[in-house]
Amino acid sequence: MTRKWLWLVAPWALFVVLAIGWVSYWFVVAGTAERRLNDWVAAQNAAGAQAAIGRVVRHGFPVLLRLELQDVRYTPARGGWGMSTARVDLHIQLLNTEHIIFEAEAPIIVTRENGATTQIVADTLIASVRTENGALAVAGVETDNLQLDDQAQEGVFLARKVVLNARHDPRAAGDYQVALDAQGIVLPRPVRSFESFGLDVNTLRAAIVVTHGAALMDGAQADPLGPWREAGGRLRFEALSLAWGPLEADGRGEGGLDSERRLQGALEIPIERPAPVFNAIANGPNVDRDAKRALALLAAGYAISGDDITLDVEAGDGWLRLEGLSLRPLGPVY
């Protein structure tokens, strides 16, 4: 009789022990996460940044763990910008605490040094970070129906879907691989020299290697990309796919900044039907008269021949050039 009683009680006793252990684990993980948040805020403020979280509310007990962060504000020690939002949720994977997910639950306001603001709104805006032994392994951002509204500029940037992922490049220490896939983009205003392409960008995909990426964290407020450039930082476009107006092409190239912080680099873009592309650029309102005439002749020639072309786009010496034709001067990026 005693043995039968033990067989009946043992599973329930084991369940109770496991339940107590899981509940204890849940509270330990939640407490550790809150403590790390507080330590991060303190460390940022000690380093000269301005970071604050108004309130942390726990959700999801006992199966999930979600920390609701209210009134979040952050201004880095370097760089003339700040960020604030009424709420962002932090989702923690209980069985893999090195994988955390941030989900925006309110508009994000980015304020620049001159006081101008950009409001970021999306139906879904999720950032995922996974670490290994305390070091970044993979980071990503995914949005649905993204809107960027710069109060100092006309128009609103829209994108139906954006997925951005980054990780260390295993081929070279200090380099990062960045993958971008954006669909259904609507530009806030025409792009100079490409006004005739319109505002709708159907697809933009890119596989980019950022060399010397660690130097991006060393920028000063007046020169945020200076240390990266001095370290030899470049963007290497290993793949680039673009569907914009008359242009549907895949290409590759590389680029960076010159000593005056102007764009410097080159893209090679194979195009099967170049005539509509040349015509569209030639009809832009800000193209130099000589370049306009040359582009129109190129368009007519390719319309007759039907040949394809590998289009060379170059930025150098302060000029944007297409097939060696100077389209317009380039100013500093900042």
Protein backbone atom coordinates (compact mmCIF):
# COMPACT_ATOMS: atom_id res chain seq x y z
CA MET A 1 0.00 0.00 0.00
CA THR A 2 2.84 2.36 0.88
CA ARG A 3 4.59 1.63 -2.40
CA LYS A 4 1.44 2.38 -4.41
CA TRP A 5 1.00 5.62 -2.49
CA LEU A 6 4.54 6.66 -3.37
CA TRP A 7 3.96 5.98 -7.07
CA LEU A 8 0.88 8.21 -6.95
CA VAL A 9 2.48 11.03 -4.99
CA ALA A 10 5.92 11.08 -6.66
CA PRO A 11 4.82 12.58 -10.03
CA TRP A 12 2.88 15.33 -8.28
CA ALA A 13 5.77 16.05 -5.95
CA LEU A 14 8.13 16.25 -8.93
CA PHE A 15 5.72 18.60 -10.70
CA VAL A 16 5.56 20.87 -7.64
CA VAL A 17 9.35 20.93 -7.36
CA LEU A 18 9.73 21.77 -11.07
CA ALA A 19 7.04 24.44 -10.84
CA ILE A 20 8.72 26.07 -7.85
CA GLY A 21 12.05 25.91 -9.66
CA TRP A 22 10.61 27.47 -12.84
CA VAL A 23 8.90 30.26 -10.90
CA SER A 24 12.15 30.99 -9.08
CA TYR A 25 14.02 30.97 -12.41
CA TRP A 26 11.48 33.39 -13.93
CA PHE A 27 11.98 35.90 -11.12
CA VAL A 28 15.76 35.49 -11.22
CA VAL A 29 15.86 36.19 -14.99
CA ALA A 30 13.47 39.16 -14.60
CA GLY A 31 15.50 40.60 -11.74
CA THR A 32 18.77 40.09 -13.60
CA ALA A 33 17.37 41.81 -16.71
CA GLU A 34 16.18 44.82 -14.69
CA ARG A 35 19.53 45.02 -12.90
CA ARG A 36 21.39 44.97 -16.23
CA LEU A 37 19.13 47.74 -17.54
CA ASN A 38 19.87 49.87 -14.48
CA ASP A 39 23.60 49.13 -14.77
CA TRP A 40 23.51 50.10 -18.45
CA VAL A 41 21.78 53.40 -17.67
CA ALA A 42 24.32 54.15 -14.93
CA ALA A 43 27.27 53.26 -17.16
CA GLN A 44 25.98 55.44 -20.01
CA ASN A 45 25.46 58.41 -17.74
CA ALA A 46 28.90 57.94 -16.19
CA ALA A 47 30.42 57.99 -19.70
CA GLY A 48 28.78 61.33 -20.51
CA ALA A 49 25.61 60.15 -22.22
CA GLN A 50 22.10 60.89 -20.95
CA ALA A 51 20.00 57.76 -20.47
CA ALA A 52 16.80 57.24 -18.48
CA ILE A 53 13.98 54.72 -18.13
CA GLY A 54 10.98 56.08 -16.28
CA ARG A 55 9.45 52.77 -15.17
CA VAL A 56 9.81 49.02 -15.77
CA VAL A 57 6.74 46.76 -15.63
CA ARG A 58 7.02 42.96 -15.78
CA HIS A 59 4.63 40.87 -17.93
CA GLY A 60 4.23 37.29 -19.09
CA PHE A 61 4.54 35.31 -15.85
CA PRO A 62 5.08 32.38 -15.74
CA VAL A 63 5.55 31.27 -19.38
CA LEU A 64 6.94 34.42 -21.06
CA LEU A 65 9.01 37.38 -19.91
CA ARG A 66 8.34 40.84 -21.24
CA LEU A 67 9.59 44.06 -19.64
CA GLU A 68 7.57 47.15 -20.50
CA LEU A 69 9.95 50.13 -20.51
CA GLN A 70 8.15 53.43 -20.12
CA ASP A 71 9.44 56.94 -20.89
CA VAL A 72 12.75 55.88 -22.45
CA ARG A 73 15.24 58.64 -23.30
CA TYR A 74 18.78 58.45 -24.64
CA THR A 75 21.37 60.96 -25.87
CA PRO A 76 24.86 59.58 -26.65
CA ALA A 77 28.03 61.14 -25.33
CA ARG A 78 29.19 61.65 -28.94
CA GLY A 79 26.91 62.85 -31.71
CA GLY A 80 24.36 65.64 -31.75
CA TRP A 81 21.15 63.61 -31.51
CA GLY A 82 18.80 62.14 -28.94
CA MET A 83 16.00 59.58 -28.89
CA SER A 84 12.84 59.29 -26.81
CA THR A 85 9.74 57.12 -26.79
CA ALA A 86 6.81 56.63 -24.44
CA ARG A 87 7.16 52.84 -24.47
CA VAL A 88 9.29 50.00 -25.78
CA ASP A 89 8.89 46.35 -24.80
CA LEU A 90 11.86 44.10 -24.07
CA HIS A 91 11.15 40.40 -24.77
CA ILE A 92 13.60 37.95 -23.19
CA GLN A 93 13.89 34.34 -24.32
CA LEU A 94 13.73 32.39 -21.06
CA LEU A 95 15.62 29.41 -22.50
CA ASN A 96 18.21 31.63 -24.22
CA THR A 97 18.73 34.82 -22.26
CA GLU A 98 21.39 36.00 -24.71
CA HIS A 99 18.64 36.56 -27.27
CA ILE A 100 16.52 39.65 -26.60
CA ILE A 101 13.94 41.43 -28.73
CA PHE A 102 12.92 45.10 -28.55
CA GLU A 103 9.48 46.02 -29.87
CA ALA A 104 8.45 49.67 -30.27
CA GLU A 105 4.97 50.30 -28.85
CA ALA A 106 4.88 54.07 -29.40
CA PRO A 107 6.33 56.61 -31.86
CA ILE A 108 10.09 57.15 -31.58
CA ILE A 109 11.25 60.76 -31.67
CA VAL A 110 14.81 61.47 -32.83
CA THR A 111 15.98 65.01 -32.03
CA ARG A 112 19.02 66.51 -33.73
CA GLU A 113 21.41 69.08 -32.32
CA ASN A 114 19.59 71.97 -34.02
CA GLY A 115 16.29 70.96 -32.39
CA ALA A 116 14.73 69.48 -35.53
CA THR A 117 12.94 66.18 -34.97
CA THR A 118 12.15 63.04 -36.96
CA GLN A 119 9.21 60.91 -35.88
CA ILE A 120 9.48 57.17 -36.53
CA VAL A 121 6.18 55.28 -36.69
CA ALA A 122 5.45 51.72 -37.88
CA ASP A 123 2.75 49.09 -37.59
CA THR A 124 5.53 46.78 -36.41
CA LEU A 125 9.07 47.77 -35.44
CA ILE A 126 11.18 45.01 -33.92
CA ALA A 127 14.91 44.94 -33.15
CA SER A 128 16.56 41.64 -32.28
CA VAL A 129 19.97 41.21 -30.63
CA ARG A 130 21.73 37.91 -29.97
CA THR A 131 25.04 37.73 -28.12
CA GLU A 132 27.53 34.94 -27.56
CA ASN A 133 29.68 35.11 -24.42
CA GLY A 134 28.78 38.78 -24.05
CA ALA A 135 29.82 39.76 -27.61
CA LEU A 136 27.42 40.69 -30.40
CA ALA A 137 26.64 37.75 -32.68
CA VAL A 138 23.68 38.93 -34.78
CA ALA A 139 21.51 42.05 -34.77
CA GLY A 140 18.48 42.81 -36.89
CA VAL A 141 15.60 45.23 -37.43
CA GLU A 142 12.27 44.44 -39.09
CA THR A 143 9.46 46.91 -39.78
CA ASP A 144 6.04 46.94 -41.43
CA ASN A 145 4.61 50.18 -42.89
CA LEU A 146 7.47 52.35 -41.70
CA GLN A 147 7.10 56.15 -41.70
CA LEU A 148 9.90 58.66 -41.16
CA ASP A 149 8.58 62.21 -40.82
CA ASP A 150 11.32 64.87 -40.65
CA GLN A 151 9.68 68.01 -39.32
CA ALA A 152 12.34 70.20 -40.98
CA GLN A 153 11.77 68.78 -44.48
CA GLU A 154 8.83 68.35 -46.81
CA GLY A 155 7.42 64.90 -47.40
CA VAL A 156 7.41 61.63 -45.46
CA PHE A 157 9.58 58.58 -46.13
CA LEU A 158 7.47 55.42 -46.37
CA ALA A 159 8.37 51.74 -46.70
CA ARG A 160 5.98 48.82 -46.75
CA LYS A 161 8.60 46.36 -45.47
CA VAL A 162 12.19 46.72 -44.30
CA VAL A 163 14.46 43.96 -43.00
CA LEU A 164 18.01 44.79 -41.91
CA ASN A 165 20.49 42.30 -40.44
CA ALA A 166 24.10 42.71 -39.31
CA ARG A 167 26.80 40.38 -38.05
CA HIS A 168 30.58 40.14 -37.87
CA ASP A 169 32.23 39.26 -41.16
CA PRO A 170 34.14 36.03 -40.47
CA ARG A 171 36.55 36.83 -43.31
CA ALA A 172 38.14 39.87 -41.63
CA ALA A 173 38.38 41.03 -38.02
CA GLY A 174 36.55 44.30 -37.40
CA ASP A 175 34.41 44.06 -40.55
CA TYR A 176 30.64 43.64 -40.53
CA GLN A 177 28.18 42.12 -42.99
CA VAL A 178 24.94 44.07 -43.48
CA ALA A 179 21.97 42.72 -45.44
CA LEU A 180 19.14 45.07 -46.43
CA ASP A 181 15.81 44.21 -48.05
CA ALA A 182 13.33 47.09 -48.49
CA GLN A 183 10.05 46.87 -50.38
CA GLY A 184 7.48 49.47 -51.41
CA ILE A 185 9.53 52.59 -50.70
CA VAL A 186 8.06 56.05 -51.28
CA LEU A 187 10.70 58.80 -51.13
CA PRO A 188 9.80 62.06 -49.39
CA ARG A 189 11.07 64.18 -52.30
CA PRO A 190 12.85 63.71 -55.63
CA VAL A 191 16.53 62.74 -55.66
CA ARG A 192 18.62 65.42 -57.29
CA SER A 193 19.81 64.48 -60.81
CA PHE A 194 17.36 61.56 -60.78
CA GLU A 195 14.10 63.49 -60.45
CA SER A 196 12.58 61.77 -63.47
CA PHE A 197 12.89 58.38 -61.78
CA GLY A 198 10.00 59.38 -59.50
CA LEU A 199 9.38 58.78 -55.80
CA ASP A 200 8.42 55.08 -55.88
CA VAL A 201 11.21 52.58 -55.33
CA ASN A 202 9.70 49.12 -55.68
CA THR A 203 12.68 47.14 -54.41
CA LEU A 204 16.05 47.83 -52.81
CA ARG A 205 18.26 44.92 -51.76
CA ALA A 206 21.89 45.11 -50.77
CA ALA A 207 24.61 42.90 -49.31
CA ILE A 208 27.18 45.27 -47.83
CA VAL A 209 30.48 44.78 -46.02
CA VAL A 210 31.41 47.63 -43.65
CA THR A 211 35.17 47.55 -43.24
CA HIS A 212 36.69 48.73 -39.94
CA GLY A 213 33.16 48.85 -38.53
CA ALA A 214 34.34 49.10 -34.92
CA ALA A 215 35.69 52.61 -35.65
CA LEU A 216 32.11 53.82 -36.20
CA MET A 217 31.72 53.89 -32.42
CA ASP A 218 34.58 56.39 -32.02
CA GLY A 219 33.02 59.34 -33.86
CA ALA A 220 32.89 62.77 -32.26
CA GLN A 221 29.87 65.05 -32.35
CA ALA A 222 31.32 67.34 -35.02
CA ASP A 223 32.79 64.49 -37.08
CA PRO A 224 30.85 61.26 -36.46
CA LEU A 225 32.43 59.32 -39.37
CA GLY A 226 35.92 60.82 -39.17
CA PRO A 227 37.60 58.02 -37.16
CA TRP A 228 35.98 55.42 -39.39
CA ARG A 229 37.33 57.13 -42.52
CA GLU A 230 40.80 57.59 -41.01
CA ALA A 231 40.86 53.88 -40.17
CA GLY A 232 40.25 53.12 -43.85
CA GLY A 233 36.55 52.42 -43.49
CA ARG A 234 34.66 51.68 -46.70
CA LEU A 235 31.33 50.24 -47.78
CA ARG A 236 31.72 47.32 -50.15
CA PHE A 237 28.52 46.51 -52.06
CA GLU A 238 28.91 42.81 -52.83
CA ALA A 239 25.38 42.75 -54.26
CA LEU A 240 22.92 45.53 -55.06
CA SER A 241 19.46 45.16 -56.59
CA LEU A 242 17.31 48.17 -57.42
CA ALA A 243 13.93 48.62 -59.11
CA TRP A 244 13.30 52.37 -59.36
CA GLY A 245 11.43 54.04 -62.20
CA PRO A 246 13.05 53.00 -65.51
CA LEU A 247 15.96 51.33 -63.69
CA GLU A 248 15.82 47.60 -62.95
CA ALA A 249 19.30 46.29 -62.37
CA ASP A 250 21.75 44.42 -60.19
CA GLY A 251 25.21 45.78 -59.51
CA ARG A 252 28.18 46.01 -57.19
CA GLY A 253 30.75 48.55 -56.08
CA GLU A 254 32.34 50.30 -53.14
CA GLY A 255 32.37 53.72 -51.52
CA GLY A 256 33.39 55.91 -48.63
CA LEU A 257 34.19 59.53 -47.83
CA ASP A 258 37.00 61.79 -49.00
CA SER A 259 38.93 64.19 -46.76
CA GLU A 260 36.14 66.79 -47.10
CA ARG A 261 33.50 64.19 -46.12
CA ARG A 262 32.09 63.98 -49.67
CA LEU A 263 30.99 60.70 -51.23
CA GLN A 264 33.78 58.84 -52.98
CA GLY A 265 33.44 55.51 -54.79
CA ALA A 266 32.03 53.72 -57.81
CA LEU A 267 29.19 51.39 -58.79
CA GLU A 268 28.98 49.06 -61.78
CA ILE A 269 25.36 48.43 -62.80
CA PRO A 270 24.61 46.15 -65.78
CA ILE A 271 21.45 47.35 -67.57
CA GLU A 272 19.62 45.45 -70.30
CA ARG A 273 17.61 48.46 -71.57
CA PRO A 274 19.73 51.59 -71.00
CA ALA A 275 17.86 53.98 -73.33
CA PRO A 276 14.94 54.76 -70.93
CA VAL A 277 17.44 55.28 -68.10
CA PHE A 278 19.55 57.78 -70.05
CA ASN A 279 16.41 59.57 -71.24
CA ALA A 280 15.05 59.88 -67.71
CA ILE A 281 18.32 61.32 -66.38
CA ALA A 282 18.64 63.69 -69.34
CA ASN A 283 15.16 65.08 -68.65
CA GLY A 284 15.98 65.96 -65.06
CA PRO A 285 15.85 69.67 -64.15
CA ASN A 286 19.28 69.83 -62.50
CA VAL A 287 21.47 68.14 -65.12
CA ASP A 288 24.24 70.17 -66.73
CA ARG A 289 23.37 71.27 -70.31
CA ASP A 290 26.33 69.48 -71.91
CA ALA A 291 25.60 66.32 -69.92
CA LYS A 292 21.94 66.54 -70.93
CA ARG A 293 22.89 66.66 -74.61
CA ALA A 294 25.35 63.78 -74.30
CA LEU A 295 22.86 61.63 -72.38
CA ALA A 296 20.18 62.24 -75.00
CA LEU A 297 22.59 61.10 -77.74
CA LEU A 298 23.45 57.97 -75.73
CA ALA A 299 19.76 57.21 -75.25
CA ALA A 300 19.07 57.54 -78.97
CA GLY A 301 22.01 55.30 -79.84
CA TYR A 302 21.03 52.51 -77.47
CA ALA A 303 17.37 52.77 -78.50
CA ILE A 304 18.45 51.98 -82.07
CA SER A 305 21.03 49.29 -81.28
CA GLY A 306 19.13 47.56 -78.48
CA ASP A 307 22.46 46.75 -76.80
CA ASP A 308 22.86 46.45 -73.07
CA ILE A 309 25.49 48.29 -71.02
CA THR A 310 27.34 48.17 -67.73
CA LEU A 311 26.65 51.59 -66.32
CA ASP A 312 29.52 53.23 -64.41
CA VAL A 313 28.42 55.59 -61.64
CA GLU A 314 31.30 57.39 -59.94
CA ALA A 315 31.65 59.84 -57.07
CA GLY A 316 35.04 61.51 -56.81
CA ASP A 317 36.76 64.88 -56.55
CA GLY A 318 33.46 66.36 -55.43
CA TRP A 319 31.51 65.33 -58.55
CA LEU A 320 28.87 62.76 -59.39
CA ARG A 321 29.63 61.21 -62.79
CA LEU A 322 27.71 58.85 -65.05
CA GLU A 323 29.71 57.12 -67.78
CA GLY A 324 32.36 59.79 -67.28
CA LEU A 325 29.86 62.65 -67.69
CA SER A 326 29.78 65.11 -64.79
CA LEU A 327 26.18 65.41 -63.59
CA ARG A 328 26.49 67.67 -60.55
CA PRO A 329 28.87 68.69 -57.74
CA LEU A 330 28.73 66.86 -54.40
CA GLY A 331 28.76 68.60 -51.05
CA PRO A 332 29.87 67.15 -47.71
CA VAL A 333 27.60 64.46 -46.27
CA TYR A 334 27.57 66.44 -42.99
